[in-house]
């Protein structure tokens, strides 16, 4: 496994763990933002792909869009 793949797998697991521990709360969204920002800092050339990947992970985990939770959709 490449370092990048391992970083992405770790990030997915962090988001999944945060969801389990915090539910869909403000703390969860902050944790997601931190994970996403860390990946973008590590791989700035993949910023758009990382944003899309994190969004796909959230769908996979059954999370509602952040704006929907805040009534901003």
PDB file of N, CA and C in Angstrom:
ATOM      1  N   UNK A   1       0.850  -1.171   0.000  1.00  0.00           N
ATOM      2  CA  UNK A   1       0.000   0.000   0.000  1.00  0.00           C
ATOM      3  C   UNK A   1       0.897   1.235   0.000  1.00  0.00           C
ATOM      4  N   UNK A   2       0.555   2.192  -0.823  1.00  0.00           N
ATOM      5  CA  UNK A   2       1.332   3.424  -0.878  1.00  0.00           C
ATOM      6  C   UNK A   2       1.053   4.286   0.359  1.00  0.00           C
ATOM      7  N   UNK A   3       1.936   5.224   0.584  1.00  0.00           N
ATOM      8  CA  UNK A   3       1.749   6.143   1.709  1.00  0.00           C
ATOM      9  C   UNK A   3       0.446   6.914   1.552  1.00  0.00           C
ATOM     10  N   UNK A   4       0.160   7.353   0.340  1.00  0.00           N
ATOM     11  CA  UNK A   4      -1.065   8.115   0.084  1.00  0.00           C
ATOM     12  C   UNK A   4      -2.297   7.262   0.396  1.00  0.00           C
ATOM     13  N   UNK A   5      -2.304   6.036  -0.076  1.00  0.00           N
ATOM     14  CA  UNK A   5      -3.439   5.140   0.191  1.00  0.00           C
ATOM     15  C   UNK A   5      -3.596   4.905   1.687  1.00  0.00           C
ATOM     16  N   UNK A   6      -2.480   4.744   2.376  1.00  0.00           N
ATOM     17  CA  UNK A   6      -2.535   4.553   3.834  1.00  0.00           C
ATOM     18  C   UNK A   6      -3.065   5.809   4.530  1.00  0.00           C
ATOM     19  N   UNK A   7      -2.660   6.988   4.050  1.00  0.00           N
ATOM     20  CA  UNK A   7      -3.158   8.243   4.617  1.00  0.00           C
ATOM     21  C   UNK A   7      -4.669   8.362   4.405  1.00  0.00           C
ATOM     22  N   UNK A   8      -5.135   7.987   3.216  1.00  0.00           N
ATOM     23  CA  UNK A   8      -6.561   8.059   2.917  1.00  0.00           C
ATOM     24  C   UNK A   8      -7.344   7.055   3.769  1.00  0.00           C
ATOM     25  N   UNK A   9      -6.802   5.867   3.929  1.00  0.00           N
ATOM     26  CA  UNK A   9      -7.476   4.860   4.754  1.00  0.00           C
ATOM     27  C   UNK A   9      -7.555   5.324   6.212  1.00  0.00           C
ATOM     28  N   UNK A  10      -6.472   5.878   6.709  1.00  0.00           N
ATOM     29  CA  UNK A  10      -6.467   6.409   8.072  1.00  0.00           C
ATOM     30  C   UNK A  10      -7.508   7.522   8.220  1.00  0.00           C
ATOM     31  N   UNK A  11      -7.573   8.414   7.247  1.00  0.00           N
ATOM     32  CA  UNK A  11      -8.529   9.517   7.291  1.00  0.00           C
ATOM     33  C   UNK A  11      -9.968   8.990   7.302  1.00  0.00           C
ATOM     34  N   UNK A  12     -10.259   8.010   6.460  1.00  0.00           N
ATOM     35  CA  UNK A  12     -11.610   7.419   6.454  1.00  0.00           C
ATOM     36  C   UNK A  12     -11.935   6.831   7.819  1.00  0.00           C
ATOM     37  N   UNK A  13     -10.989   6.105   8.381  1.00  0.00           N
ATOM     38  CA  UNK A  13     -11.224   5.494   9.692  1.00  0.00           C
ATOM     39  C   UNK A  13     -11.408   6.544  10.785  1.00  0.00           C
ATOM     40  N   UNK A  14     -10.692   7.659  10.688  1.00  0.00           N
ATOM     41  CA  UNK A  14     -10.875   8.744  11.656  1.00  0.00           C
ATOM     42  C   UNK A  14     -12.290   9.320  11.558  1.00  0.00           C
ATOM     43  N   UNK A  15     -12.768   9.521  10.345  1.00  0.00           N
ATOM     44  CA  UNK A  15     -14.118  10.059  10.160  1.00  0.00           C
ATOM     45  C   UNK A  15     -15.161   9.064  10.656  1.00  0.00           C
ATOM     46  N   UNK A  16     -14.973   7.808  10.346  1.00  0.00           N
ATOM     47  CA  UNK A  16     -15.915   6.772  10.807  1.00  0.00           C
ATOM     48  C   UNK A  16     -15.937   6.723  12.335  1.00  0.00           C
ATOM     49  N   UNK A  17     -14.775   6.787  12.951  1.00  0.00           N
ATOM     50  CA  UNK A  17     -14.688   6.757  14.416  1.00  0.00           C
ATOM     51  C   UNK A  17     -15.359   7.996  15.019  1.00  0.00           C
ATOM     52  N   UNK A  18     -15.119   9.150  14.417  1.00  0.00           N
ATOM     53  CA  UNK A  18     -15.735  10.387  14.913  1.00  0.00           C
ATOM     54  C   UNK A  18     -17.254  10.286  14.835  1.00  0.00           C
ATOM     55  N   UNK A  19     -17.767   9.712  13.762  1.00  0.00           N
ATOM     56  CA  UNK A  19     -19.210   9.544  13.619  1.00  0.00           C
ATOM     57  C   UNK A  19     -19.751   8.634  14.702  1.00  0.00           C
ATOM     58  N   UNK A  20     -19.043   7.544  14.973  1.00  0.00           N
ATOM     59  CA  UNK A  20     -19.463   6.599  16.009  1.00  0.00           C
ATOM     60  C   UNK A  20     -19.458   7.254  17.382  1.00  0.00           C
ATOM     61  N   UNK A  21     -18.428   8.033  17.655  1.00  0.00           N
ATOM     62  CA  UNK A  21     -18.271   8.655  18.971  1.00  0.00           C
ATOM     63  C   UNK A  21     -19.167   9.880  19.173  1.00  0.00           C
ATOM     64  N   UNK A  22     -19.355  10.682  18.123  1.00  0.00           N
ATOM     65  CA  UNK A  22     -20.003  11.981  18.284  1.00  0.00           C
ATOM     66  C   UNK A  22     -21.370  12.090  17.631  1.00  0.00           C
ATOM     67  N   UNK A  23     -21.676  11.148  16.736  1.00  0.00           N
ATOM     68  CA  UNK A  23     -22.903  11.310  15.966  1.00  0.00           C
ATOM     69  C   UNK A  23     -22.761  12.511  15.035  1.00  0.00           C
ATOM     70  N   UNK A  24     -23.847  12.867  14.383  1.00  0.00           N
ATOM     71  CA  UNK A  24     -23.826  13.993  13.450  1.00  0.00           C
ATOM     72  C   UNK A  24     -23.986  15.303  14.229  1.00  0.00           C
ATOM     73  N   UNK A  25     -22.898  15.728  14.832  1.00  0.00           N
ATOM     74  CA  UNK A  25     -22.887  16.919  15.682  1.00  0.00           C
ATOM     75  C   UNK A  25     -21.896  17.936  15.123  1.00  0.00           C
ATOM     76  N   UNK A  26     -21.889  19.108  15.731  1.00  0.00           N
ATOM     77  CA  UNK A  26     -20.904  20.120  15.326  1.00  0.00           C
ATOM     78  C   UNK A  26     -19.480  19.611  15.529  1.00  0.00           C
ATOM     79  N   UNK A  27     -19.264  18.870  16.605  1.00  0.00           N
ATOM     80  CA  UNK A  27     -17.931  18.306  16.869  1.00  0.00           C
ATOM     81  C   UNK A  27     -17.529  17.329  15.760  1.00  0.00           C
ATOM     82  N   UNK A  28     -18.494  16.558  15.276  1.00  0.00           N
ATOM     83  CA  UNK A  28     -18.216  15.625  14.184  1.00  0.00           C
ATOM     84  C   UNK A  28     -17.804  16.392  12.931  1.00  0.00           C
ATOM     85  N   UNK A  29     -18.558  17.458  12.591  1.00  0.00           N
ATOM     86  CA  UNK A  29     -18.230  18.228  11.394  1.00  0.00           C
ATOM     87  C   UNK A  29     -16.870  18.908  11.534  1.00  0.00           C
ATOM     88  N   UNK A  30     -16.530  19.336  12.725  1.00  0.00           N
ATOM     89  CA  UNK A  30     -15.200  19.920  12.957  1.00  0.00           C
ATOM     90  C   UNK A  30     -14.118  18.880  12.738  1.00  0.00           C
ATOM     91  N   UNK A  31     -14.355  17.672  13.221  1.00  0.00           N
ATOM     92  CA  UNK A  31     -13.390  16.582  13.024  1.00  0.00           C
ATOM     93  C   UNK A  31     -13.228  16.274  11.538  1.00  0.00           C
ATOM     94  N   UNK A  32     -14.338  16.250  10.804  1.00  0.00           N
ATOM     95  CA  UNK A  32     -14.273  16.010   9.354  1.00  0.00           C
ATOM     96  C   UNK A  32     -13.460  17.097   8.664  1.00  0.00           C
ATOM     97  N   UNK A  33     -13.724  18.343   9.042  1.00  0.00           N
ATOM     98  CA  UNK A  33     -12.986  19.457   8.441  1.00  0.00           C
ATOM     99  C   UNK A  33     -11.488  19.340   8.717  1.00  0.00           C
ATOM    100  N   UNK A  34     -11.135  18.946   9.932  1.00  0.00           N
ATOM    101  CA  UNK A  34      -9.723  18.800  10.285  1.00  0.00           C
ATOM    102  C   UNK A  34      -9.054  17.699   9.458  1.00  0.00           C
ATOM    103  N   UNK A  35      -9.747  16.576   9.307  1.00  0.00           N
ATOM    104  CA  UNK A  35      -9.201  15.469   8.516  1.00  0.00           C
ATOM    105  C   UNK A  35      -9.027  15.908   7.066  1.00  0.00           C
ATOM    106  N   UNK A  36     -10.053  16.545   6.507  1.00  0.00           N
ATOM    107  CA  UNK A  36      -9.993  17.005   5.125  1.00  0.00           C
ATOM    108  C   UNK A  36      -8.862  18.015   4.932  1.00  0.00           C
ATOM    109  N   UNK A  37      -8.746  18.975   5.841  1.00  0.00           N
ATOM    110  CA  UNK A  37      -7.683  19.982   5.743  1.00  0.00           C
ATOM    111  C   UNK A  37      -6.302  19.351   5.836  1.00  0.00           C
ATOM    112  N   UNK A  38      -6.151  18.356   6.701  1.00  0.00           N
ATOM    113  CA  UNK A  38      -4.859  17.689   6.829  1.00  0.00           C
ATOM    114  C   UNK A  38      -4.477  16.996   5.525  1.00  0.00           C
ATOM    115  N   UNK A  39      -5.445  16.307   4.910  1.00  0.00           N
ATOM    116  CA  UNK A  39      -5.154  15.639   3.637  1.00  0.00           C
ATOM    117  C   UNK A  39      -4.796  16.644   2.554  1.00  0.00           C
ATOM    118  N   UNK A  40      -5.512  17.765   2.513  1.00  0.00           N
ATOM    119  CA  UNK A  40      -5.221  18.789   1.508  1.00  0.00           C
ATOM    120  C   UNK A  40      -3.842  19.401   1.747  1.00  0.00           C
ATOM    121  N   UNK A  41      -3.482  19.588   3.003  1.00  0.00           N
ATOM    122  CA  UNK A  41      -2.142  20.102   3.307  1.00  0.00           C
ATOM    123  C   UNK A  41      -1.066  19.132   2.835  1.00  0.00           C
ATOM    124  N   UNK A  42      -1.331  17.822   2.986  1.00  0.00           N
ATOM    125  CA  UNK A  42      -0.355  16.806   2.570  1.00  0.00           C
ATOM    126  C   UNK A  42      -0.297  16.660   1.059  1.00  0.00           C
ATOM    127  N   UNK A  43      -1.448  16.797   0.401  1.00  0.00           N
ATOM    128  CA  UNK A  43      -1.544  16.553  -1.041  1.00  0.00           C
ATOM    129  C   UNK A  43      -2.303  17.702  -1.714  1.00  0.00           C
ATOM    130  N   UNK A  44      -1.735  18.909  -1.712  1.00  0.00           N
ATOM    131  CA  UNK A  44      -2.456  20.076  -2.242  1.00  0.00           C
ATOM    132  C   UNK A  44      -2.833  19.936  -3.719  1.00  0.00           C
ATOM    133  N   UNK A  45      -2.071  19.167  -4.460  1.00  0.00           N
ATOM    134  CA  UNK A  45      -2.374  18.978  -5.883  1.00  0.00           C
ATOM    135  C   UNK A  45      -3.664  18.174  -6.086  1.00  0.00           C
ATOM    136  N   UNK A  46      -4.142  17.517  -5.056  1.00  0.00           N
ATOM    137  CA  UNK A  46      -5.350  16.693  -5.138  1.00  0.00           C
ATOM    138  C   UNK A  46      -6.533  17.298  -4.384  1.00  0.00           C
ATOM    139  N   UNK A  47      -6.504  18.615  -4.165  1.00  0.00           N
ATOM    140  CA  UNK A  47      -7.525  19.245  -3.321  1.00  0.00           C
ATOM    141  C   UNK A  47      -8.951  18.908  -3.762  1.00  0.00           C
ATOM    142  N   UNK A  48      -9.259  19.081  -5.033  1.00  0.00           N
ATOM    143  CA  UNK A  48     -10.625  18.827  -5.505  1.00  0.00           C
ATOM    144  C   UNK A  48     -10.990  17.360  -5.317  1.00  0.00           C
ATOM    145  N   UNK A  49     -10.078  16.477  -5.639  1.00  0.00           N
ATOM    146  CA  UNK A  49     -10.338  15.037  -5.489  1.00  0.00           C
ATOM    147  C   UNK A  49     -10.548  14.663  -4.030  1.00  0.00           C
ATOM    148  N   UNK A  50      -9.803  15.274  -3.139  1.00  0.00           N
ATOM    149  CA  UNK A  50      -9.935  14.981  -1.705  1.00  0.00           C
ATOM    150  C   UNK A  50     -11.300  15.442  -1.210  1.00  0.00           C
ATOM    151  N   UNK A  51     -11.728  16.623  -1.618  1.00  0.00           N
ATOM    152  CA  UNK A  51     -13.042  17.125  -1.208  1.00  0.00           C
ATOM    153  C   UNK A  51     -14.129  16.168  -1.684  1.00  0.00           C
ATOM    154  N   UNK A  52     -14.035  15.726  -2.932  1.00  0.00           N
ATOM    155  CA  UNK A  52     -15.020  14.796  -3.476  1.00  0.00           C
ATOM    156  C   UNK A  52     -14.955  13.445  -2.774  1.00  0.00           C
ATOM    157  N   UNK A  53     -13.754  12.985  -2.455  1.00  0.00           N
ATOM    158  CA  UNK A  53     -13.586  11.707  -1.781  1.00  0.00           C
ATOM    159  C   UNK A  53     -14.205  11.740  -0.384  1.00  0.00           C
ATOM    160  N   UNK A  54     -13.956  12.802   0.361  1.00  0.00           N
ATOM    161  CA  UNK A  54     -14.520  12.920   1.703  1.00  0.00           C
ATOM    162  C   UNK A  54     -16.051  12.966   1.614  1.00  0.00           C
ATOM    163  N   UNK A  55     -16.580  13.684   0.636  1.00  0.00           N
ATOM    164  CA  UNK A  55     -18.034  13.722   0.445  1.00  0.00           C
ATOM    165  C   UNK A  55     -18.576  12.325   0.161  1.00  0.00           C
ATOM    166  N   UNK A  56     -17.872  11.564  -0.658  1.00  0.00           N
ATOM    167  CA  UNK A  56     -18.298  10.190  -0.964  1.00  0.00           C
ATOM    168  C   UNK A  56     -18.230   9.315   0.281  1.00  0.00           C
ATOM    169  N   UNK A  57     -17.226   9.499   1.111  1.00  0.00           N
ATOM    170  CA  UNK A  57     -17.137   8.739   2.361  1.00  0.00           C
ATOM    171  C   UNK A  57     -18.339   9.024   3.243  1.00  0.00           C
ATOM    172  N   UNK A  58     -18.717  10.299   3.328  1.00  0.00           N
ATOM    173  CA  UNK A  58     -19.851  10.672   4.179  1.00  0.00           C
ATOM    174  C   UNK A  58     -21.137  10.020   3.682  1.00  0.00           C
ATOM    175  N   UNK A  59     -21.318   9.991   2.368  1.00  0.00           N
ATOM    176  CA  UNK A  59     -22.481   9.305   1.798  1.00  0.00           C
ATOM    177  C   UNK A  59     -22.420   7.832   2.139  1.00  0.00           C
ATOM    178  N   UNK A  60     -21.261   7.234   1.971  1.00  0.00           N
ATOM    179  CA  UNK A  60     -21.076   5.819   2.280  1.00  0.00           C
ATOM    180  C   UNK A  60     -21.406   5.510   3.738  1.00  0.00           C
ATOM    181  N   UNK A  61     -21.086   6.442   4.631  1.00  0.00           N
ATOM    182  CA  UNK A  61     -21.350   6.263   6.055  1.00  0.00           C
ATOM    183  C   UNK A  61     -22.785   6.635   6.438  1.00  0.00           C
ATOM    184  N   UNK A  62     -23.558   7.120   5.458  1.00  0.00           N
ATOM    185  CA  UNK A  62     -24.950   7.458   5.710  1.00  0.00           C
ATOM    186  C   UNK A  62     -25.159   8.793   6.394  1.00  0.00           C
ATOM    187  N   UNK A  63     -24.180   9.680   6.277  1.00  0.00           N
ATOM    188  CA  UNK A  63     -24.258  10.997   6.910  1.00  0.00           C
ATOM    189  C   UNK A  63     -25.029  11.941   5.996  1.00  0.00           C
ATOM    190  N   UNK A  64     -25.886  12.766   6.586  1.00  0.00           N
ATOM    191  CA  UNK A  64     -26.620  13.779   5.826  1.00  0.00           C
ATOM    192  C   UNK A  64     -25.692  14.942   5.529  1.00  0.00           C
ATOM    193  N   UNK A  65     -25.907  15.634   4.417  1.00  0.00           N
ATOM    194  CA  UNK A  65     -25.067  16.793   4.114  1.00  0.00           C
ATOM    195  C   UNK A  65     -25.098  17.824   5.233  1.00  0.00           C
ATOM    196  N   UNK A  66     -23.960  18.431   5.505  1.00  0.00           N
ATOM    197  CA  UNK A  66     -23.839  19.391   6.608  1.00  0.00           C
ATOM    198  C   UNK A  66     -24.858  20.516   6.485  1.00  0.00           C
ATOM    199  N   UNK A  67     -25.043  21.061   5.304  1.00  0.00           N
ATOM    200  CA  UNK A  67     -26.003  22.137   5.111  1.00  0.00           C
ATOM    201  C   UNK A  67     -27.422  21.703   5.427  1.00  0.00           C
ATOM    202  N   UNK A  68     -27.750  20.463   5.104  1.00  0.00           N
ATOM    203  CA  UNK A  68     -29.083  19.943   5.377  1.00  0.00           C
ATOM    204  C   UNK A  68     -29.327  19.897   6.869  1.00  0.00           C
ATOM    205  N   UNK A  69     -28.305  19.523   7.629  1.00  0.00           N
ATOM    206  CA  UNK A  69     -28.450  19.463   9.081  1.00  0.00           C
ATOM    207  C   UNK A  69     -28.660  20.857   9.666  1.00  0.00           C
ATOM    208  N   UNK A  70     -28.075  21.843   9.022  1.00  0.00           N
ATOM    209  CA  UNK A  70     -28.172  23.208   9.518  1.00  0.00           C
ATOM    210  C   UNK A  70     -29.352  23.945   8.896  1.00  0.00           C
ATOM    211  N   UNK A  71     -30.099  23.286   8.028  1.00  0.00           N
ATOM    212  CA  UNK A  71     -31.223  23.916   7.366  1.00  0.00           C
ATOM    213  C   UNK A  71     -30.814  24.868   6.259  1.00  0.00           C
ATOM    214  N   UNK A  72     -29.621  24.646   5.686  1.00  0.00           N
ATOM    215  CA  UNK A  72     -29.102  25.569   4.663  1.00  0.00           C
ATOM    216  C   UNK A  72     -29.055  24.927   3.285  1.00  0.00           C
ATOM    217  N   UNK A  73     -29.959  24.101   2.943  1.00  0.00           N
ATOM    218  CA  UNK A  73     -29.908  23.454   1.626  1.00  0.00           C
ATOM    219  C   UNK A  73     -30.871  24.104   0.726  1.00  0.00           C
TER     220      UNK A  73
END
